[in-house]
């Protein structure tokens, strides 16, 4: 079967783009809502992205008792407050060279 090409009027083109934009907005909104139920908990991937740490580093921190976590079916979730507290403990004040 050969591909079929159809030309759209400028109005139809803008209407199609508008519909696609609304569809993408709904998909993005649903994706963000899907993460919301965890609330208190962050996935290991989210923590890695936030901190820039590898899974092995996070594992070591868990074993040292630095991070609160839970494990369900071999998937690790971190307590959001624990991660934020660790970030606060390690923050440094910026200084200016004069």
C-alpha atoms as a PDB file:
ATOM      1  CA  UNK A   1       0.000   0.000   0.000  1.00  0.00           C
ATOM      2  CA  UNK A   2       1.423   3.355  -1.014  1.00  0.00           C
ATOM      3  CA  UNK A   3       1.429   6.282   1.435  1.00  0.00           C
ATOM      4  CA  UNK A   4      -1.266   8.870   0.953  1.00  0.00           C
ATOM      5  CA  UNK A   5      -0.483  12.552   1.337  1.00  0.00           C
ATOM      6  CA  UNK A   6      -3.201  15.115   1.873  1.00  0.00           C
ATOM      7  CA  UNK A   7      -2.817  18.847   1.930  1.00  0.00           C
ATOM      8  CA  UNK A   8      -4.403  20.798   4.763  1.00  0.00           C
ATOM      9  CA  UNK A   9      -5.676  24.297   4.630  1.00  0.00           C
ATOM     10  CA  UNK A  10      -3.955  26.754   6.953  1.00  0.00           C
ATOM     11  CA  UNK A  11      -7.036  26.793   9.198  1.00  0.00           C
ATOM     12  CA  UNK A  12      -7.131  22.987   9.415  1.00  0.00           C
ATOM     13  CA  UNK A  13      -3.407  22.931  10.132  1.00  0.00           C
ATOM     14  CA  UNK A  14      -3.798  25.380  13.048  1.00  0.00           C
ATOM     15  CA  UNK A  15      -6.817  23.468  14.374  1.00  0.00           C
ATOM     16  CA  UNK A  16      -4.847  20.215  14.287  1.00  0.00           C
ATOM     17  CA  UNK A  17      -1.878  21.813  16.073  1.00  0.00           C
ATOM     18  CA  UNK A  18      -4.208  23.252  18.695  1.00  0.00           C
ATOM     19  CA  UNK A  19      -5.756  19.834  19.346  1.00  0.00           C
ATOM     20  CA  UNK A  20      -2.313  18.235  19.568  1.00  0.00           C
ATOM     21  CA  UNK A  21      -1.179  20.888  22.074  1.00  0.00           C
ATOM     22  CA  UNK A  22      -4.238  20.222  24.257  1.00  0.00           C
ATOM     23  CA  UNK A  23      -3.642  16.475  24.024  1.00  0.00           C
ATOM     24  CA  UNK A  24       0.000  16.862  25.062  1.00  0.00           C
ATOM     25  CA  UNK A  25      -1.018  19.086  27.981  1.00  0.00           C
ATOM     26  CA  UNK A  26      -3.455  16.422  29.213  1.00  0.00           C
ATOM     27  CA  UNK A  27      -0.823  13.685  28.867  1.00  0.00           C
ATOM     28  CA  UNK A  28       1.742  15.744  30.807  1.00  0.00           C
ATOM     29  CA  UNK A  29      -0.822  16.537  33.507  1.00  0.00           C
ATOM     30  CA  UNK A  30      -1.736  12.861  33.869  1.00  0.00           C
ATOM     31  CA  UNK A  31       1.952  11.955  34.089  1.00  0.00           C
ATOM     32  CA  UNK A  32       2.480  14.420  36.926  1.00  0.00           C
ATOM     33  CA  UNK A  33      -0.625  13.157  38.718  1.00  0.00           C
ATOM     34  CA  UNK A  34       0.690   9.604  38.438  1.00  0.00           C
ATOM     35  CA  UNK A  35       3.735  10.605  40.522  1.00  0.00           C
ATOM     36  CA  UNK A  36       1.691  12.432  43.153  1.00  0.00           C
ATOM     37  CA  UNK A  37       0.334   9.383  45.066  1.00  0.00           C
ATOM     38  CA  UNK A  38       3.805   8.537  46.360  1.00  0.00           C
ATOM     39  CA  UNK A  39       3.873  11.952  48.060  1.00  0.00           C
ATOM     40  CA  UNK A  40       6.132  11.134  50.972  1.00  0.00           C
ATOM     41  CA  UNK A  41       8.239   8.693  48.952  1.00  0.00           C
ATOM     42  CA  UNK A  42      10.640   9.180  46.057  1.00  0.00           C
ATOM     43  CA  UNK A  43      11.809   6.500  43.665  1.00  0.00           C
ATOM     44  CA  UNK A  44      15.494   5.697  43.483  1.00  0.00           C
ATOM     45  CA  UNK A  45      15.613   7.211  40.007  1.00  0.00           C
ATOM     46  CA  UNK A  46      14.117  10.493  41.271  1.00  0.00           C
ATOM     47  CA  UNK A  47      16.683  10.630  44.075  1.00  0.00           C
ATOM     48  CA  UNK A  48      19.505   9.904  41.645  1.00  0.00           C
ATOM     49  CA  UNK A  49      18.354  12.741  39.383  1.00  0.00           C
ATOM     50  CA  UNK A  50      17.972  15.134  42.315  1.00  0.00           C
ATOM     51  CA  UNK A  51      21.285  14.373  44.015  1.00  0.00           C
ATOM     52  CA  UNK A  52      23.440  13.230  41.112  1.00  0.00           C
ATOM     53  CA  UNK A  53      24.377  10.114  43.119  1.00  0.00           C
ATOM     54  CA  UNK A  54      24.576   6.602  41.701  1.00  0.00           C
ATOM     55  CA  UNK A  55      22.515   3.682  42.990  1.00  0.00           C
ATOM     56  CA  UNK A  56      25.565   2.192  44.729  1.00  0.00           C
ATOM     57  CA  UNK A  57      26.219   5.448  46.588  1.00  0.00           C
ATOM     58  CA  UNK A  58      22.599   5.585  47.712  1.00  0.00           C
ATOM     59  CA  UNK A  59      22.866   1.944  48.829  1.00  0.00           C
ATOM     60  CA  UNK A  60      25.929   2.801  50.952  1.00  0.00           C
ATOM     61  CA  UNK A  61      24.099   5.770  52.476  1.00  0.00           C
ATOM     62  CA  UNK A  62      21.127   3.526  53.309  1.00  0.00           C
ATOM     63  CA  UNK A  63      23.415   0.986  54.972  1.00  0.00           C
ATOM     64  CA  UNK A  64      25.059   3.725  57.055  1.00  0.00           C
ATOM     65  CA  UNK A  65      21.609   4.856  58.221  1.00  0.00           C
ATOM     66  CA  UNK A  66      21.848   8.252  56.509  1.00  0.00           C
ATOM     67  CA  UNK A  67      18.658   7.811  54.495  1.00  0.00           C
ATOM     68  CA  UNK A  68      15.245   6.485  55.447  1.00  0.00           C
ATOM     69  CA  UNK A  69      13.857   4.065  52.893  1.00  0.00           C
ATOM     70  CA  UNK A  70      11.430   1.278  52.257  1.00  0.00           C
ATOM     71  CA  UNK A  71      11.774  -1.622  49.874  1.00  0.00           C
ATOM     72  CA  UNK A  72       8.865  -3.281  48.112  1.00  0.00           C
ATOM     73  CA  UNK A  73       9.444  -6.125  45.654  1.00  0.00           C
ATOM     74  CA  UNK A  74      13.116  -5.149  45.282  1.00  0.00           C
ATOM     75  CA  UNK A  75      12.183  -1.559  44.431  1.00  0.00           C
ATOM     76  CA  UNK A  76      13.624   1.067  46.787  1.00  0.00           C
ATOM     77  CA  UNK A  77      11.730   4.200  47.823  1.00  0.00           C
ATOM     78  CA  UNK A  78      13.301   7.000  49.837  1.00  0.00           C
ATOM     79  CA  UNK A  79      11.625   9.216  52.392  1.00  0.00           C
ATOM     80  CA  UNK A  80      11.382  12.665  50.779  1.00  0.00           C
ATOM     81  CA  UNK A  81      11.978  14.444  54.113  1.00  0.00           C
ATOM     82  CA  UNK A  82      15.106  12.359  54.687  1.00  0.00           C
ATOM     83  CA  UNK A  83      16.497  13.373  51.294  1.00  0.00           C
ATOM     84  CA  UNK A  84      15.660  17.048  51.868  1.00  0.00           C
ATOM     85  CA  UNK A  85      17.237  16.949  55.344  1.00  0.00           C
ATOM     86  CA  UNK A  86      20.420  15.470  53.870  1.00  0.00           C
ATOM     87  CA  UNK A  87      20.463  18.206  51.221  1.00  0.00           C
ATOM     88  CA  UNK A  88      20.053  20.869  53.942  1.00  0.00           C
ATOM     89  CA  UNK A  89      22.826  19.349  56.086  1.00  0.00           C
ATOM     90  CA  UNK A  90      25.226  19.480  53.156  1.00  0.00           C
ATOM     91  CA  UNK A  91      24.436  22.940  51.864  1.00  0.00           C
ATOM     92  CA  UNK A  92      27.212  25.485  51.820  1.00  0.00           C
ATOM     93  CA  UNK A  93      26.965  29.236  51.853  1.00  0.00           C
ATOM     94  CA  UNK A  94      28.171  30.965  48.742  1.00  0.00           C
ATOM     95  CA  UNK A  95      31.007  33.392  49.203  1.00  0.00           C
ATOM     96  CA  UNK A  96      32.232  36.240  47.115  1.00  0.00           C
ATOM     97  CA  UNK A  97      35.819  37.009  46.307  1.00  0.00           C
ATOM     98  CA  UNK A  98      36.509  40.723  46.581  1.00  0.00           C
END
